[in-house]
């Protein structure tokens, strides 16, 4: 009987030890598009956050607790994002990073808010995301009204007088088009064309023909890089040499692959700085570590902003703010937390504070060249 008691006790101890080890971990959720047309964005988001988690754990974790990254694929689709948010809400995570695309993020917001989880969006710039008053929602990217003002300023500096605005009816692109139109009107610049295309199509010659007939001296397409690349290529094929610009959703090297270097040459866009143009000590150290692991650097700033979101969550946890309301209150009071893309801070609505937008021009080799301020 004593032997039986011994073995039962040993078995109970063996069962308890793994449970204690698991309980000591803190889970952080990541929603990102690992499939779909934005899969390259999502893969970089995963790789960046995984690297930062590994670095944190190599330092002993947060307050002695190792960090476990829980990743869910949102497919770049609102319906899939809702399912991903539900899975993360059931996974026992302390907070959620993500995601890319305003409409995709919006589909997850109420689910994560009702679950009482802090969410930090990364590539989701639609104004309304932080105008809802959700107390646990933040974002590391700027919002469309700030971008609209920066876009209008760039257009005015370029001396353009008759602008065509084209969007894709997504929350992000339509919002940016509306904000830019309002800013251009205030600046006295005429918007002579305003319409939308259908994303995902292979032939945009019909809308390009309509644009050409309007006679603009600049086309500003506010949508994403896959459609931007198609527009540039087909505009070149029809022999129309009007200048074209974009917003920060065009900030991806795949744009040149789709358009071709010749068609992309001269295209310009406004965006937060590309990863290779980030010059903070944190960014330099991160880029060196990322290149050592993946033999490349991230191609998009939006993936890097997922790393900033992790940095904010890690700092909050290190400050002992694991309760969602305490974490949210702590995040709102920071103004200069060292991040990958620069100093991190949030206002009362959860929006990132600070000015980030710069202008890039694509050269004849397909390289994005940062322009002087």
Protein backbone atom coordinates (compact mmCIF):
# COMPACT_ATOMS: atom_id res chain seq x y z
CA UNK A 1 0.00 0.00 0.00
CA UNK A 2 2.90 2.34 0.82
CA UNK A 3 4.31 1.64 -2.62
CA UNK A 4 0.99 2.47 -4.20
CA UNK A 5 0.80 5.74 -2.28
CA UNK A 6 4.35 6.57 -3.37
CA UNK A 7 3.63 6.02 -7.02
CA UNK A 8 0.31 7.87 -6.83
CA UNK A 9 2.12 10.79 -5.20
CA UNK A 10 4.86 10.72 -7.82
CA UNK A 11 2.26 10.62 -10.59
CA UNK A 12 0.40 13.56 -9.09
CA UNK A 13 3.65 15.54 -8.86
CA UNK A 14 4.53 14.68 -12.46
CA UNK A 15 1.11 15.86 -13.59
CA UNK A 16 1.36 19.07 -11.58
CA UNK A 17 4.79 20.13 -12.79
CA UNK A 18 3.87 20.68 -16.48
CA UNK A 19 0.72 22.53 -15.40
CA UNK A 20 2.79 24.85 -13.23
CA UNK A 21 5.23 25.44 -16.09
CA UNK A 22 2.38 26.29 -18.46
CA UNK A 23 0.77 28.57 -15.87
CA UNK A 24 4.03 30.49 -15.61
CA UNK A 25 3.93 31.37 -19.30
CA UNK A 26 2.22 34.48 -20.61
CA UNK A 27 0.56 34.23 -24.01
CA UNK A 28 0.49 37.02 -26.60
CA UNK A 29 -1.80 36.70 -29.61
CA UNK A 30 -1.00 37.68 -33.18
CA UNK A 31 -3.55 37.98 -35.99
CA UNK A 32 -2.01 38.29 -39.44
CA UNK A 33 -2.73 37.33 -43.08
CA UNK A 34 -0.63 34.20 -43.62
CA UNK A 35 -2.76 33.32 -46.64
CA UNK A 36 -4.46 35.46 -49.29
CA UNK A 37 -3.15 38.38 -51.29
CA UNK A 38 -1.42 39.98 -48.29
CA UNK A 39 0.36 36.80 -47.20
CA UNK A 40 3.82 38.34 -47.54
CA UNK A 41 2.80 41.04 -45.05
CA UNK A 42 1.53 38.41 -42.64
CA UNK A 43 4.61 36.23 -42.92
CA UNK A 44 6.86 39.18 -42.08
CA UNK A 45 4.59 40.08 -39.15
CA UNK A 46 4.91 36.56 -37.80
CA UNK A 47 8.67 36.42 -38.36
CA UNK A 48 9.23 39.79 -36.69
CA UNK A 49 7.13 39.15 -33.61
CA UNK A 50 8.51 35.60 -33.26
CA UNK A 51 12.05 37.00 -33.31
CA UNK A 52 11.21 39.57 -30.63
CA UNK A 53 9.55 36.90 -28.49
CA UNK A 54 12.62 34.69 -28.77
CA UNK A 55 14.87 37.61 -27.81
CA UNK A 56 12.68 38.42 -24.81
CA UNK A 57 12.70 34.80 -23.68
CA UNK A 58 16.48 34.60 -24.06
CA UNK A 59 16.65 37.45 -21.52
CA UNK A 60 14.49 35.46 -19.12
CA UNK A 61 11.07 36.49 -20.35
CA UNK A 62 8.94 39.10 -18.58
CA UNK A 63 9.25 39.17 -14.81
CA UNK A 64 10.46 35.59 -14.92
CA UNK A 65 7.63 34.38 -17.16
CA UNK A 66 8.37 33.07 -20.64
CA UNK A 67 6.27 34.47 -23.50
CA UNK A 68 4.34 32.14 -25.78
CA UNK A 69 3.24 33.51 -29.15
CA UNK A 70 -0.17 32.31 -30.35
CA UNK A 71 -0.67 33.00 -34.08
CA UNK A 72 -3.95 32.91 -36.01
CA UNK A 73 -4.26 33.42 -39.76
CA UNK A 74 -6.93 36.00 -40.66
CA UNK A 75 -6.45 35.49 -44.42
CA UNK A 76 -6.79 39.23 -45.04
CA UNK A 77 -10.55 38.63 -44.91
CA UNK A 78 -13.05 40.07 -42.39
CA UNK A 79 -14.96 36.80 -41.94
CA UNK A 80 -11.80 34.81 -41.35
CA UNK A 81 -10.57 37.56 -39.01
CA UNK A 82 -13.70 37.21 -36.88
CA UNK A 83 -12.98 33.49 -36.48
CA UNK A 84 -9.32 34.20 -35.71
CA UNK A 85 -10.34 36.72 -33.04
CA UNK A 86 -12.69 34.19 -31.44
CA UNK A 87 -9.89 31.61 -31.31
CA UNK A 88 -7.51 34.07 -29.69
CA UNK A 89 -10.17 35.15 -27.21
CA UNK A 90 -10.45 31.49 -26.15
CA UNK A 91 -6.69 30.89 -26.04
CA UNK A 92 -5.97 32.74 -22.81
CA UNK A 93 -3.81 35.46 -24.36
CA UNK A 94 -2.90 38.61 -22.42
CA UNK A 95 -3.28 40.88 -25.49
CA UNK A 96 -3.61 40.69 -29.27
CA UNK A 97 -1.46 42.22 -32.00
CA UNK A 98 -3.04 42.86 -35.39
CA UNK A 99 -3.97 43.11 -37.99
CA UNK A 100 -3.25 44.40 -41.52
CA UNK A 101 -6.19 46.04 -43.32
CA UNK A 102 -8.74 48.32 -41.66
CA UNK A 103 -11.81 46.29 -42.63
CA UNK A 104 -10.11 43.11 -41.41
CA UNK A 105 -9.19 44.69 -38.09
CA UNK A 106 -12.67 46.13 -37.70
CA UNK A 107 -14.19 42.65 -37.97
CA UNK A 108 -12.19 41.60 -34.92
CA UNK A 109 -12.62 44.69 -32.74
CA UNK A 110 -15.92 43.99 -31.02
CA UNK A 111 -15.04 40.34 -30.44
CA UNK A 112 -11.78 41.15 -28.69
CA UNK A 113 -13.29 44.09 -26.81
CA UNK A 114 -16.12 41.92 -25.48
CA UNK A 115 -13.53 39.35 -24.45
CA UNK A 116 -11.77 42.07 -22.45
CA UNK A 117 -8.53 41.95 -24.40
CA UNK A 118 -6.18 44.77 -25.34
CA UNK A 119 -5.77 44.87 -29.12
CA UNK A 120 -3.03 46.82 -30.90
CA UNK A 121 -3.66 47.24 -34.63
CA UNK A 122 -0.70 47.58 -36.96
CA UNK A 123 -1.62 48.33 -40.60
CA UNK A 124 -5.15 49.63 -39.97
CA UNK A 125 -5.44 53.36 -40.53
CA UNK A 126 -9.20 53.96 -40.92
CA UNK A 127 -10.28 56.89 -38.74
CA UNK A 128 -13.38 55.19 -37.38
CA UNK A 129 -11.44 52.38 -35.71
CA UNK A 130 -10.49 54.70 -32.85
CA UNK A 131 -13.58 56.92 -33.01
CA UNK A 132 -15.77 54.14 -31.60
CA UNK A 133 -14.48 54.71 -28.09
CA UNK A 134 -13.34 51.14 -27.52
CA UNK A 135 -11.25 51.41 -24.35
CA UNK A 136 -8.90 48.51 -25.10
CA UNK A 137 -8.06 49.27 -28.75
CA UNK A 138 -4.77 50.89 -29.82
CA UNK A 139 -2.71 51.09 -33.00
CA UNK A 140 0.94 51.63 -33.84
CA UNK A 141 0.17 53.12 -37.27
CA UNK A 142 -1.08 56.66 -37.95
CA UNK A 143 -4.63 57.20 -39.19
CA UNK A 144 -6.12 58.27 -42.50
CA UNK A 145 -6.86 61.88 -41.61
CA UNK A 146 -3.19 62.44 -40.79
CA UNK A 147 -2.23 60.69 -44.02
CA UNK A 148 -4.78 62.68 -46.01
CA UNK A 149 -3.23 65.95 -44.83
CA UNK A 150 0.26 64.68 -45.66
CA UNK A 151 -0.91 63.51 -49.10
CA UNK A 152 -2.54 66.86 -49.86
CA UNK A 153 0.63 68.65 -48.76
CA UNK A 154 2.75 66.47 -51.07
CA UNK A 155 0.37 67.15 -53.97
CA UNK A 156 0.47 70.89 -53.33
CA UNK A 157 4.28 70.86 -53.12
CA UNK A 158 4.37 69.09 -56.48
CA UNK A 159 2.37 71.91 -58.08
CA UNK A 160 -0.48 69.69 -59.30
CA UNK A 161 -3.71 71.54 -60.07
CA UNK A 162 -6.18 68.90 -61.35
CA UNK A 163 -6.20 65.67 -59.38
CA UNK A 164 -8.03 62.38 -59.98
CA UNK A 165 -8.82 60.41 -56.82
CA UNK A 166 -9.39 56.67 -57.23
CA UNK A 167 -10.10 54.21 -54.40
CA UNK A 168 -11.25 50.59 -54.06
CA UNK A 169 -14.22 51.00 -51.67
CA UNK A 170 -12.31 49.42 -48.78
CA UNK A 171 -12.51 51.15 -45.39
CA UNK A 172 -8.90 52.23 -45.66
CA UNK A 173 -8.78 53.39 -49.28
CA UNK A 174 -12.15 55.15 -49.31
CA UNK A 175 -11.37 56.85 -46.02
CA UNK A 176 -8.02 58.09 -47.30
CA UNK A 177 -9.62 59.34 -50.53
CA UNK A 178 -12.26 61.27 -48.58
CA UNK A 179 -9.73 62.78 -46.17
CA UNK A 180 -7.45 63.78 -49.06
CA UNK A 181 -10.31 65.33 -51.03
CA UNK A 182 -11.27 67.47 -48.04
CA UNK A 183 -7.67 68.57 -47.51
CA UNK A 184 -7.19 69.36 -51.21
CA UNK A 185 -10.34 71.46 -51.29
CA UNK A 186 -9.02 73.50 -48.36
CA UNK A 187 -5.73 73.93 -50.23
CA UNK A 188 -7.52 75.13 -53.38
CA UNK A 189 -6.54 72.11 -55.50
CA UNK A 190 -9.28 70.82 -57.84
CA UNK A 191 -10.42 67.19 -57.63
CA UNK A 192 -11.75 66.58 -61.14
CA UNK A 193 -12.40 62.83 -60.81
CA UNK A 194 -13.57 60.69 -57.89
CA UNK A 195 -14.49 57.03 -58.35
CA UNK A 196 -13.71 53.46 -57.28
CA UNK A 197 -12.40 50.32 -58.95
CA UNK A 198 -13.11 46.70 -58.02
CA UNK A 199 -10.10 45.14 -56.28
CA UNK A 200 -8.77 41.80 -57.46
CA UNK A 201 -9.56 42.26 -61.16
CA UNK A 202 -6.99 41.68 -63.89
CA UNK A 203 -8.04 44.37 -66.36
CA UNK A 204 -8.36 48.04 -65.40
CA UNK A 205 -8.29 49.56 -68.87
CA UNK A 206 -11.94 50.68 -68.58
CA UNK A 207 -11.35 52.78 -65.46
CA UNK A 208 -8.04 54.03 -66.85
CA UNK A 209 -9.84 55.17 -70.01
CA UNK A 210 -12.34 57.11 -67.85
CA UNK A 211 -9.49 58.62 -65.89
CA UNK A 212 -7.65 59.71 -69.04
CA UNK A 213 -10.80 61.35 -70.43
CA UNK A 214 -11.04 63.50 -67.29
CA UNK A 215 -7.63 65.01 -68.07
CA UNK A 216 -5.93 65.06 -64.64
CA UNK A 217 -2.32 66.10 -64.16
CA UNK A 218 -2.02 63.56 -61.32
CA UNK A 219 -3.77 60.29 -60.42
CA UNK A 220 -3.86 59.42 -56.72
CA UNK A 221 -4.94 55.81 -56.19
CA UNK A 222 -5.44 55.26 -52.46
CA UNK A 223 -5.71 51.45 -52.56
CA UNK A 224 -3.31 48.57 -52.03
CA UNK A 225 -0.15 47.57 -53.88
CA UNK A 226 -1.55 44.64 -55.96
CA UNK A 227 -4.04 46.92 -57.75
CA UNK A 228 -1.51 49.76 -57.87
CA UNK A 229 0.92 47.53 -59.75
CA UNK A 230 -1.77 46.53 -62.24
CA UNK A 231 -2.78 50.16 -62.84
CA UNK A 232 0.81 51.23 -63.45
CA UNK A 233 1.45 48.38 -65.87
CA UNK A 234 -1.75 48.90 -67.86
CA UNK A 235 -1.36 52.68 -67.85
CA UNK A 236 2.05 52.15 -69.42
CA UNK A 237 0.63 49.70 -71.98
CA UNK A 238 -1.97 52.23 -73.13
CA UNK A 239 0.73 54.91 -73.54
CA UNK A 240 -0.60 57.27 -70.89
CA UNK A 241 2.25 58.97 -69.04
CA UNK A 242 0.35 60.91 -66.38
CA UNK A 243 2.09 60.91 -62.97
CA UNK A 244 0.59 58.58 -60.37
CA UNK A 245 0.94 58.53 -56.61
CA UNK A 246 -0.26 56.37 -53.75
CA UNK A 247 -0.64 56.13 -50.02
CA UNK A 248 1.05 53.90 -47.51
CA UNK A 249 -0.71 50.71 -48.66
CA UNK A 250 1.47 50.90 -51.78
CA UNK A 251 4.59 50.54 -49.63
CA UNK A 252 5.55 47.02 -50.69
CA UNK A 253 8.23 45.83 -53.09
CA UNK A 254 5.77 43.47 -54.79
CA UNK A 255 4.32 46.59 -56.43
CA UNK A 256 7.37 46.69 -58.73
CA UNK A 257 7.12 42.96 -59.46
CA UNK A 258 3.52 43.42 -60.60
CA UNK A 259 4.02 46.65 -62.55
CA UNK A 260 7.51 46.01 -63.88
CA UNK A 261 10.39 48.43 -63.17
CA UNK A 262 9.80 50.52 -66.30
CA UNK A 263 6.11 51.11 -65.56
CA UNK A 264 6.78 51.73 -61.87
CA UNK A 265 9.55 54.29 -62.47
CA UNK A 266 8.52 57.76 -61.32
CA UNK A 267 5.63 56.52 -59.20
CA UNK A 268 5.66 58.11 -55.75
CA UNK A 269 3.88 57.48 -52.49
CA UNK A 270 3.74 58.74 -48.92
CA UNK A 271 4.40 56.35 -46.07
CA UNK A 272 6.10 55.91 -42.76
CA UNK A 273 9.77 55.10 -43.43
CA UNK A 274 10.68 51.72 -44.88
CA UNK A 275 12.47 49.31 -42.52
CA UNK A 276 15.89 50.01 -44.04
CA UNK A 277 15.37 53.75 -43.51
CA UNK A 278 14.61 53.42 -39.79
CA UNK A 279 17.66 54.69 -37.96
CA UNK A 280 16.97 54.27 -34.26
CA UNK A 281 19.37 52.04 -32.27
CA UNK A 282 16.47 49.64 -31.65
CA UNK A 283 15.76 49.44 -35.39
CA UNK A 284 19.41 48.84 -36.29
CA UNK A 285 19.78 46.05 -33.73
CA UNK A 286 16.52 44.48 -34.81
CA UNK A 287 17.34 44.61 -38.52
CA UNK A 288 20.73 42.98 -37.90
CA UNK A 289 19.09 40.16 -35.92
CA UNK A 290 16.34 39.70 -38.52
CA UNK A 291 18.85 39.54 -41.36
CA UNK A 292 20.96 37.01 -39.46
CA UNK A 293 17.93 34.76 -39.04
CA UNK A 294 16.19 35.21 -42.42
CA UNK A 295 19.00 36.48 -44.69
CA UNK A 296 16.80 39.43 -45.67
CA UNK A 297 15.13 42.48 -44.19
CA UNK A 298 11.35 43.00 -43.89
CA UNK A 299 9.88 44.48 -47.05
CA UNK A 300 7.12 46.48 -45.40
CA UNK A 301 6.82 49.00 -42.59
CA UNK A 302 3.47 47.51 -41.55
CA UNK A 303 5.09 44.28 -40.46
CA UNK A 304 7.60 46.27 -38.43
CA UNK A 305 4.72 48.06 -36.72
CA UNK A 306 3.60 44.64 -35.47
CA UNK A 307 6.98 44.50 -33.77
CA UNK A 308 6.26 47.88 -32.20
CA UNK A 309 2.96 46.51 -30.89
CA UNK A 310 4.81 43.63 -29.24
CA UNK A 311 7.32 46.06 -27.72
CA UNK A 312 4.45 48.01 -26.17
CA UNK A 313 2.80 44.88 -24.77
CA UNK A 314 6.11 43.55 -23.45
CA UNK A 315 6.81 46.86 -21.68
CA UNK A 316 3.33 46.91 -20.15
CA UNK A 317 3.73 43.35 -18.86
CA UNK A 318 7.18 44.19 -17.49
CA UNK A 319 5.56 47.08 -15.60
CA UNK A 320 3.20 44.58 -14.00
CA UNK A 321 0.19 45.60 -16.09
CA UNK A 322 -1.30 42.22 -17.03
CA UNK A 323 -4.90 43.21 -16.27
CA UNK A 324 -6.42 44.54 -19.54
CA UNK A 325 -7.74 47.78 -18.03
CA UNK A 326 -4.46 48.42 -16.23
CA UNK A 327 -2.53 47.66 -19.41
CA UNK A 328 -4.70 50.07 -21.42
CA UNK A 329 -4.28 52.84 -18.84
CA UNK A 330 -0.51 52.30 -18.82
CA UNK A 331 -0.29 52.39 -22.62
CA UNK A 332 -2.15 55.70 -22.76
CA UNK A 333 0.35 57.40 -20.49
CA UNK A 334 3.49 56.44 -22.42
CA UNK A 335 4.84 59.01 -24.88
CA UNK A 336 8.38 57.99 -25.80
CA UNK A 337 8.80 54.23 -25.38
CA UNK A 338 11.72 53.09 -27.59
CA UNK A 339 10.27 51.19 -30.55
CA UNK A 340 11.54 49.83 -33.83
CA UNK A 341 10.06 52.66 -35.90
CA UNK A 342 10.76 55.39 -33.36
CA UNK A 343 9.36 56.62 -30.08
CA UNK A 344 6.05 54.98 -29.17
CA UNK A 345 3.18 56.79 -27.51
CA UNK A 346 -0.62 56.76 -27.58
CA UNK A 347 -3.30 59.38 -27.05
CA UNK A 348 -6.58 59.04 -25.16
CA UNK A 349 -8.26 57.40 -28.17
CA UNK A 350 -5.51 54.81 -28.59
CA UNK A 351 -3.98 56.45 -31.65
CA UNK A 352 -0.23 56.64 -32.02
CA UNK A 353 1.18 60.12 -31.50
CA UNK A 354 3.87 61.70 -33.65
CA UNK A 355 4.54 62.47 -37.33
CA UNK A 356 5.75 59.63 -39.53
CA UNK A 357 4.95 60.31 -43.19
CA UNK A 358 7.71 60.68 -45.75
CA UNK A 359 7.72 60.65 -49.56
CA UNK A 360 9.25 57.85 -51.64
CA UNK A 361 9.90 57.78 -55.39
CA UNK A 362 10.43 54.58 -57.39
CA UNK A 363 13.59 54.90 -59.51
CA UNK A 364 14.26 53.25 -62.87
CA UNK A 365 15.65 50.15 -61.12
CA UNK A 366 12.49 49.67 -59.08
CA UNK A 367 14.06 50.88 -55.84
CA UNK A 368 12.02 52.96 -53.36
CA UNK A 369 14.09 56.10 -52.74
CA UNK A 370 13.39 58.18 -49.65
CA UNK A 371 13.07 61.87 -50.49
CA UNK A 372 14.50 64.70 -48.34
CA UNK A 373 12.06 66.30 -45.92
